[in-house]
N, C-alpha and C. Protein backbone atom coordinates (compact mmCIF):
# COMPACT_ATOMS: atom_id res chain seq x y z
N MET A 1 -135.53 152.63 -191.61
CA MET A 1 -135.67 154.03 -191.96
C MET A 1 -134.74 154.33 -193.13
N GLU A 2 -135.25 155.01 -194.11
CA GLU A 2 -134.50 155.32 -195.31
C GLU A 2 -133.83 156.67 -195.18
N LYS A 3 -132.55 156.76 -195.55
CA LYS A 3 -131.82 158.02 -195.47
C LYS A 3 -132.23 158.92 -196.62
N GLN A 4 -132.16 160.22 -196.37
CA GLN A 4 -132.48 161.20 -197.40
C GLN A 4 -131.18 161.76 -197.98
N PHE A 5 -131.23 162.14 -199.26
CA PHE A 5 -130.11 162.83 -199.86
C PHE A 5 -130.09 164.26 -199.33
N THR A 6 -128.93 164.77 -198.99
CA THR A 6 -128.82 166.15 -198.55
C THR A 6 -127.74 166.85 -199.36
N ARG A 7 -127.87 168.12 -199.50
CA ARG A 7 -126.92 168.90 -200.27
C ARG A 7 -125.90 169.59 -199.36
N SER A 8 -126.29 169.99 -198.18
CA SER A 8 -125.38 170.59 -197.21
C SER A 8 -125.97 170.39 -195.83
N ARG A 9 -125.22 170.78 -194.80
CA ARG A 9 -125.69 170.58 -193.44
C ARG A 9 -126.82 171.55 -193.11
N THR A 10 -127.79 171.10 -192.34
CA THR A 10 -128.91 171.96 -191.98
C THR A 10 -128.46 173.03 -190.99
N HIS A 11 -129.11 174.18 -191.07
CA HIS A 11 -128.85 175.31 -190.18
C HIS A 11 -127.42 175.83 -190.26
N ARG A 12 -126.77 175.63 -191.37
CA ARG A 12 -125.42 176.15 -191.61
C ARG A 12 -125.46 176.96 -192.90
N SER A 13 -125.78 178.23 -192.79
CA SER A 13 -125.96 179.05 -193.99
C SER A 13 -124.66 179.27 -194.76
N ASN A 14 -123.51 179.19 -194.07
CA ASN A 14 -122.24 179.43 -194.75
C ASN A 14 -121.57 178.14 -195.21
N ASP A 15 -122.27 177.03 -195.15
CA ASP A 15 -121.69 175.73 -195.45
C ASP A 15 -121.66 175.43 -196.95
N ASN A 16 -122.54 176.01 -197.71
CA ASN A 16 -122.68 175.63 -199.11
C ASN A 16 -121.43 175.87 -199.95
N PRO A 17 -120.69 176.98 -199.81
CA PRO A 17 -119.47 177.13 -200.62
C PRO A 17 -118.46 176.01 -200.38
N HIS A 18 -118.31 175.58 -199.12
CA HIS A 18 -117.39 174.48 -198.83
C HIS A 18 -117.87 173.19 -199.49
N VAL A 19 -119.16 172.93 -199.39
CA VAL A 19 -119.72 171.71 -199.99
C VAL A 19 -119.54 171.74 -201.50
N GLU A 20 -119.83 172.87 -202.14
CA GLU A 20 -119.72 172.96 -203.58
C GLU A 20 -118.28 172.85 -204.04
N ASN A 21 -117.34 173.40 -203.30
CA ASN A 21 -115.93 173.29 -203.65
C ASN A 21 -115.50 171.83 -203.60
N ARG A 22 -115.89 171.14 -202.54
CA ARG A 22 -115.54 169.73 -202.40
C ARG A 22 -116.24 168.89 -203.48
N ASN A 23 -117.48 169.25 -203.79
CA ASN A 23 -118.20 168.53 -204.84
C ASN A 23 -117.47 168.63 -206.17
N LEU A 24 -116.99 169.81 -206.49
CA LEU A 24 -116.28 169.99 -207.76
C LEU A 24 -115.01 169.16 -207.77
N TYR A 25 -114.29 169.17 -206.67
CA TYR A 25 -112.99 168.53 -206.62
C TYR A 25 -113.08 167.00 -206.60
N VAL A 26 -114.01 166.46 -205.88
CA VAL A 26 -114.08 165.01 -205.72
C VAL A 26 -115.27 164.41 -206.46
N VAL A 27 -116.46 164.86 -206.13
CA VAL A 27 -117.67 164.22 -206.63
C VAL A 27 -117.88 164.46 -208.12
N ARG A 28 -117.90 165.71 -208.54
CA ARG A 28 -118.19 166.01 -209.95
C ARG A 28 -117.15 165.40 -210.89
N LYS A 29 -115.92 165.34 -210.43
CA LYS A 29 -114.85 164.76 -211.25
C LYS A 29 -115.07 163.27 -211.49
N ASN A 30 -115.67 162.58 -210.52
CA ASN A 30 -115.85 161.14 -210.62
C ASN A 30 -117.26 160.72 -211.03
N VAL A 31 -118.26 161.53 -210.72
CA VAL A 31 -119.65 161.14 -210.97
C VAL A 31 -120.29 161.94 -212.09
N GLY A 32 -119.92 163.19 -212.22
CA GLY A 32 -120.55 164.05 -213.22
C GLY A 32 -121.56 164.97 -212.57
N TYR A 33 -122.39 165.61 -213.40
CA TYR A 33 -123.32 166.63 -212.91
C TYR A 33 -124.76 166.16 -212.86
N GLY A 34 -125.04 164.93 -213.19
CA GLY A 34 -126.42 164.45 -213.21
C GLY A 34 -127.02 164.30 -211.82
N ARG A 35 -128.34 164.30 -211.77
CA ARG A 35 -129.06 164.04 -210.52
C ARG A 35 -129.47 162.57 -210.57
N TYR A 36 -129.12 161.84 -209.54
CA TYR A 36 -129.40 160.42 -209.51
C TYR A 36 -130.41 160.10 -208.43
N THR A 37 -131.37 159.24 -208.77
CA THR A 37 -132.39 158.85 -207.80
C THR A 37 -132.55 157.34 -207.81
N GLY A 38 -133.14 156.82 -206.77
CA GLY A 38 -133.42 155.40 -206.70
C GLY A 38 -132.52 154.68 -205.71
N LYS A 39 -133.05 153.57 -205.22
CA LYS A 39 -132.33 152.80 -204.20
C LYS A 39 -131.07 152.15 -204.76
N LYS A 40 -131.17 151.58 -205.96
CA LYS A 40 -130.02 150.91 -206.57
C LYS A 40 -128.88 151.92 -206.83
N THR A 41 -129.25 153.07 -207.35
CA THR A 41 -128.27 154.11 -207.61
C THR A 41 -127.61 154.58 -206.32
N ARG A 42 -128.43 154.74 -205.27
CA ARG A 42 -127.89 155.18 -203.98
C ARG A 42 -126.88 154.17 -203.45
N ASN A 43 -127.18 152.87 -203.59
CA ASN A 43 -126.25 151.84 -203.13
C ASN A 43 -124.94 151.88 -203.92
N LEU A 44 -125.04 152.06 -205.23
CA LEU A 44 -123.83 152.17 -206.06
C LEU A 44 -123.01 153.41 -205.70
N MET A 45 -123.72 154.53 -205.48
CA MET A 45 -123.03 155.76 -205.09
C MET A 45 -122.37 155.60 -203.72
N GLY A 46 -123.03 154.90 -202.81
CA GLY A 46 -122.45 154.66 -201.49
C GLY A 46 -121.17 153.86 -201.60
N GLU A 47 -121.15 152.85 -202.46
CA GLU A 47 -119.94 152.06 -202.66
C GLU A 47 -118.84 152.91 -203.31
N LEU A 48 -119.21 153.71 -204.30
CA LEU A 48 -118.23 154.60 -204.94
C LEU A 48 -117.64 155.57 -203.92
N TYR A 49 -118.49 156.17 -203.09
CA TYR A 49 -118.01 157.13 -202.09
C TYR A 49 -117.10 156.45 -201.07
N TYR A 50 -117.35 155.19 -200.76
CA TYR A 50 -116.48 154.45 -199.85
C TYR A 50 -115.06 154.39 -200.41
N TRP A 51 -114.94 154.04 -201.69
CA TRP A 51 -113.62 153.93 -202.32
C TRP A 51 -112.98 155.30 -202.51
N LEU A 52 -113.79 156.31 -202.84
CA LEU A 52 -113.26 157.67 -202.96
C LEU A 52 -112.74 158.17 -201.61
N ASP A 53 -113.45 157.84 -200.54
CA ASP A 53 -113.05 158.23 -199.19
C ASP A 53 -111.68 157.62 -198.86
N LEU A 54 -111.50 156.35 -199.17
CA LEU A 54 -110.20 155.72 -198.92
C LEU A 54 -109.10 156.37 -199.74
N LYS A 55 -109.39 156.64 -200.99
CA LYS A 55 -108.39 157.23 -201.88
C LYS A 55 -107.95 158.61 -201.37
N TYR A 56 -108.91 159.48 -201.08
CA TYR A 56 -108.58 160.85 -200.72
C TYR A 56 -108.10 161.00 -199.28
N ASN A 57 -108.41 160.07 -198.40
CA ASN A 57 -107.95 160.18 -197.02
C ASN A 57 -106.61 159.50 -196.77
N PHE A 58 -106.27 158.49 -197.57
CA PHE A 58 -105.03 157.76 -197.34
C PHE A 58 -103.93 158.04 -198.36
N PHE A 59 -104.29 158.47 -199.57
CA PHE A 59 -103.29 158.56 -200.63
C PHE A 59 -103.12 159.93 -201.27
N ILE A 60 -104.13 160.77 -201.28
CA ILE A 60 -104.06 162.04 -201.98
C ILE A 60 -103.79 163.17 -200.96
N PRO A 61 -102.65 163.84 -201.07
CA PRO A 61 -102.37 164.92 -200.13
C PRO A 61 -103.23 166.15 -200.38
N ALA A 62 -103.51 166.86 -199.32
CA ALA A 62 -104.27 168.11 -199.39
C ALA A 62 -103.38 169.24 -198.88
N MET A 63 -103.48 170.38 -199.52
CA MET A 63 -102.67 171.53 -199.13
C MET A 63 -103.34 172.24 -197.96
N LYS A 64 -102.52 172.62 -196.99
CA LYS A 64 -103.01 173.36 -195.84
C LYS A 64 -102.07 174.53 -195.60
N VAL A 65 -102.64 175.72 -195.37
CA VAL A 65 -101.82 176.90 -195.12
C VAL A 65 -101.19 176.77 -193.74
N VAL A 66 -99.86 176.86 -193.70
CA VAL A 66 -99.12 176.75 -192.45
C VAL A 66 -98.74 178.13 -191.93
N GLU A 67 -98.39 179.02 -192.85
CA GLU A 67 -97.95 180.36 -192.47
C GLU A 67 -98.48 181.37 -193.48
N LYS A 68 -98.87 182.54 -192.99
CA LYS A 68 -99.42 183.57 -193.86
C LYS A 68 -98.80 184.90 -193.47
N LEU A 69 -98.02 185.49 -194.36
CA LEU A 69 -97.35 186.77 -194.11
C LEU A 69 -97.96 187.85 -194.99
N ARG A 70 -98.14 189.03 -194.42
CA ARG A 70 -98.66 190.14 -195.21
C ARG A 70 -97.53 191.08 -195.54
N LEU A 71 -97.35 191.33 -196.83
CA LEU A 71 -96.37 192.29 -197.31
C LEU A 71 -97.11 193.37 -198.10
N GLY A 72 -97.38 194.49 -197.45
CA GLY A 72 -98.17 195.54 -198.10
C GLY A 72 -99.58 195.05 -198.31
N LYS A 73 -99.98 195.05 -199.58
CA LYS A 73 -101.33 194.58 -199.91
C LYS A 73 -101.37 193.09 -200.24
N ARG A 74 -100.23 192.47 -200.34
CA ARG A 74 -100.17 191.07 -200.74
C ARG A 74 -99.92 190.15 -199.56
N TYR A 75 -100.31 188.91 -199.75
CA TYR A 75 -100.05 187.87 -198.75
C TYR A 75 -99.12 186.82 -199.35
N ILE A 76 -98.20 186.37 -198.56
CA ILE A 76 -97.36 185.24 -198.95
C ILE A 76 -97.77 184.08 -198.06
N ARG A 77 -98.17 183.00 -198.68
CA ARG A 77 -98.64 181.84 -197.93
C ARG A 77 -97.68 180.67 -198.12
N LYS A 78 -97.42 179.97 -197.04
CA LYS A 78 -96.64 178.75 -197.11
C LYS A 78 -97.58 177.59 -196.84
N HIS A 79 -97.52 176.60 -197.72
CA HIS A 79 -98.42 175.46 -197.63
C HIS A 79 -97.67 174.20 -197.24
N GLU A 80 -98.42 173.26 -196.71
CA GLU A 80 -97.89 171.95 -196.35
C GLU A 80 -98.82 170.91 -196.98
N ALA A 81 -98.25 169.99 -197.72
CA ALA A 81 -99.04 168.96 -198.38
C ALA A 81 -98.91 167.64 -197.63
N LYS A 82 -100.02 167.21 -197.04
CA LYS A 82 -100.08 165.93 -196.32
C LYS A 82 -101.44 165.31 -196.53
N THR A 83 -101.49 164.01 -196.42
CA THR A 83 -102.78 163.33 -196.49
C THR A 83 -103.48 163.48 -195.14
N PRO A 84 -104.82 163.40 -195.11
CA PRO A 84 -105.53 163.44 -193.83
C PRO A 84 -105.04 162.33 -192.88
N TYR A 85 -104.68 161.18 -193.44
CA TYR A 85 -104.13 160.08 -192.63
C TYR A 85 -102.85 160.53 -191.91
N MET A 86 -101.95 161.18 -192.63
CA MET A 86 -100.70 161.65 -192.05
C MET A 86 -100.95 162.68 -190.95
N ARG A 87 -101.92 163.56 -191.17
CA ARG A 87 -102.24 164.56 -190.15
C ARG A 87 -102.77 163.91 -188.88
N LEU A 88 -103.59 162.89 -189.03
CA LEU A 88 -104.10 162.17 -187.85
C LEU A 88 -102.99 161.47 -187.10
N MET A 89 -102.07 160.87 -187.84
CA MET A 89 -100.98 160.14 -187.19
C MET A 89 -100.05 161.08 -186.42
N GLU A 90 -99.95 162.32 -186.83
CA GLU A 90 -99.11 163.30 -186.14
C GLU A 90 -99.81 163.96 -184.96
N ASP A 91 -101.13 163.88 -184.92
CA ASP A 91 -101.90 164.55 -183.87
C ASP A 91 -101.75 163.83 -182.54
N GLU A 92 -101.36 164.56 -181.52
CA GLU A 92 -101.13 163.99 -180.19
C GLU A 92 -102.43 163.65 -179.46
N SER A 93 -103.53 164.31 -179.84
CA SER A 93 -104.80 164.09 -179.13
C SER A 93 -105.51 162.81 -179.57
N ILE A 94 -105.06 162.17 -180.64
CA ILE A 94 -105.68 160.93 -181.12
C ILE A 94 -105.12 159.77 -180.30
N PRO A 95 -105.99 158.92 -179.74
CA PRO A 95 -105.52 157.77 -178.95
C PRO A 95 -104.70 156.78 -179.79
N GLU A 96 -103.77 156.11 -179.15
CA GLU A 96 -102.87 155.18 -179.84
C GLU A 96 -103.63 154.00 -180.47
N GLU A 97 -104.69 153.52 -179.83
CA GLU A 97 -105.43 152.39 -180.40
C GLU A 97 -106.09 152.77 -181.72
N VAL A 98 -106.52 154.02 -181.83
CA VAL A 98 -107.09 154.50 -183.10
C VAL A 98 -106.00 154.55 -184.17
N LYS A 99 -104.83 155.03 -183.80
CA LYS A 99 -103.71 155.10 -184.74
C LYS A 99 -103.29 153.70 -185.21
N GLU A 100 -103.30 152.74 -184.30
CA GLU A 100 -102.96 151.36 -184.67
C GLU A 100 -103.98 150.79 -185.66
N ARG A 101 -105.26 151.05 -185.40
CA ARG A 101 -106.30 150.59 -186.32
C ARG A 101 -106.13 151.20 -187.70
N LEU A 102 -105.80 152.50 -187.75
CA LEU A 102 -105.58 153.17 -189.03
C LEU A 102 -104.36 152.62 -189.75
N LYS A 103 -103.29 152.32 -188.99
CA LYS A 103 -102.09 151.74 -189.60
C LYS A 103 -102.40 150.40 -190.25
N LYS A 104 -103.14 149.54 -189.54
CA LYS A 104 -103.52 148.24 -190.10
C LYS A 104 -104.39 148.40 -191.33
N MET A 105 -105.29 149.37 -191.26
CA MET A 105 -106.17 149.62 -192.40
C MET A 105 -105.36 150.07 -193.61
N LYS A 106 -104.39 150.96 -193.40
CA LYS A 106 -103.55 151.47 -194.50
C LYS A 106 -102.69 150.38 -195.10
N GLU A 107 -102.17 149.48 -194.26
CA GLU A 107 -101.33 148.39 -194.76
C GLU A 107 -102.10 147.48 -195.71
N GLY A 108 -103.39 147.34 -195.51
CA GLY A 108 -104.19 146.47 -196.36
C GLY A 108 -104.69 147.14 -197.63
N LEU A 109 -104.37 148.41 -197.82
CA LEU A 109 -104.87 149.15 -198.98
C LEU A 109 -103.85 149.21 -200.10
N SER A 110 -104.36 149.21 -201.31
CA SER A 110 -103.52 149.36 -202.50
C SER A 110 -104.14 150.45 -203.38
N PHE A 111 -103.34 151.44 -203.72
CA PHE A 111 -103.85 152.54 -204.55
C PHE A 111 -104.36 152.01 -205.89
N ARG A 112 -103.65 151.07 -206.46
CA ARG A 112 -104.05 150.50 -207.75
C ARG A 112 -105.41 149.81 -207.65
N GLU A 113 -105.62 149.04 -206.58
CA GLU A 113 -106.90 148.35 -206.39
C GLU A 113 -108.04 149.36 -206.21
N ILE A 114 -107.77 150.39 -205.45
CA ILE A 114 -108.80 151.43 -205.23
C ILE A 114 -109.16 152.09 -206.54
N GLU A 115 -108.17 152.42 -207.34
CA GLU A 115 -108.42 153.04 -208.64
C GLU A 115 -109.23 152.12 -209.55
N GLU A 116 -108.94 150.83 -209.54
CA GLU A 116 -109.70 149.88 -210.36
C GLU A 116 -111.14 149.79 -209.91
N ARG A 117 -111.36 149.81 -208.60
CA ARG A 117 -112.73 149.73 -208.07
C ARG A 117 -113.53 150.98 -208.42
N ILE A 118 -112.86 152.13 -208.36
CA ILE A 118 -113.55 153.37 -208.70
C ILE A 118 -113.92 153.35 -210.18
């Protein structure tokens, strides 16, 4: 069975802004704005997305709002910058065997190698 390209999740009317924001930040920066079709292109894009996934989940921190204070009409936000990998390692609900697998996976990764592959 052949997979179809999708733009956002089905039956999620509010999902598109999140998808487009992520597309601009990760996909458009690395792939561009063209529409790509074909099996060969899909395989190449799949390999590219694999390396991008490793890069952004293990090495690139993402900002997350930790605290939000309202002062009059303004908000003061405090952010925390951590990689998704770091957030998973701190989460108590994640089983230890999963954390061990992720640690081994991270030890075998090199940011330089990932950048060269991309």
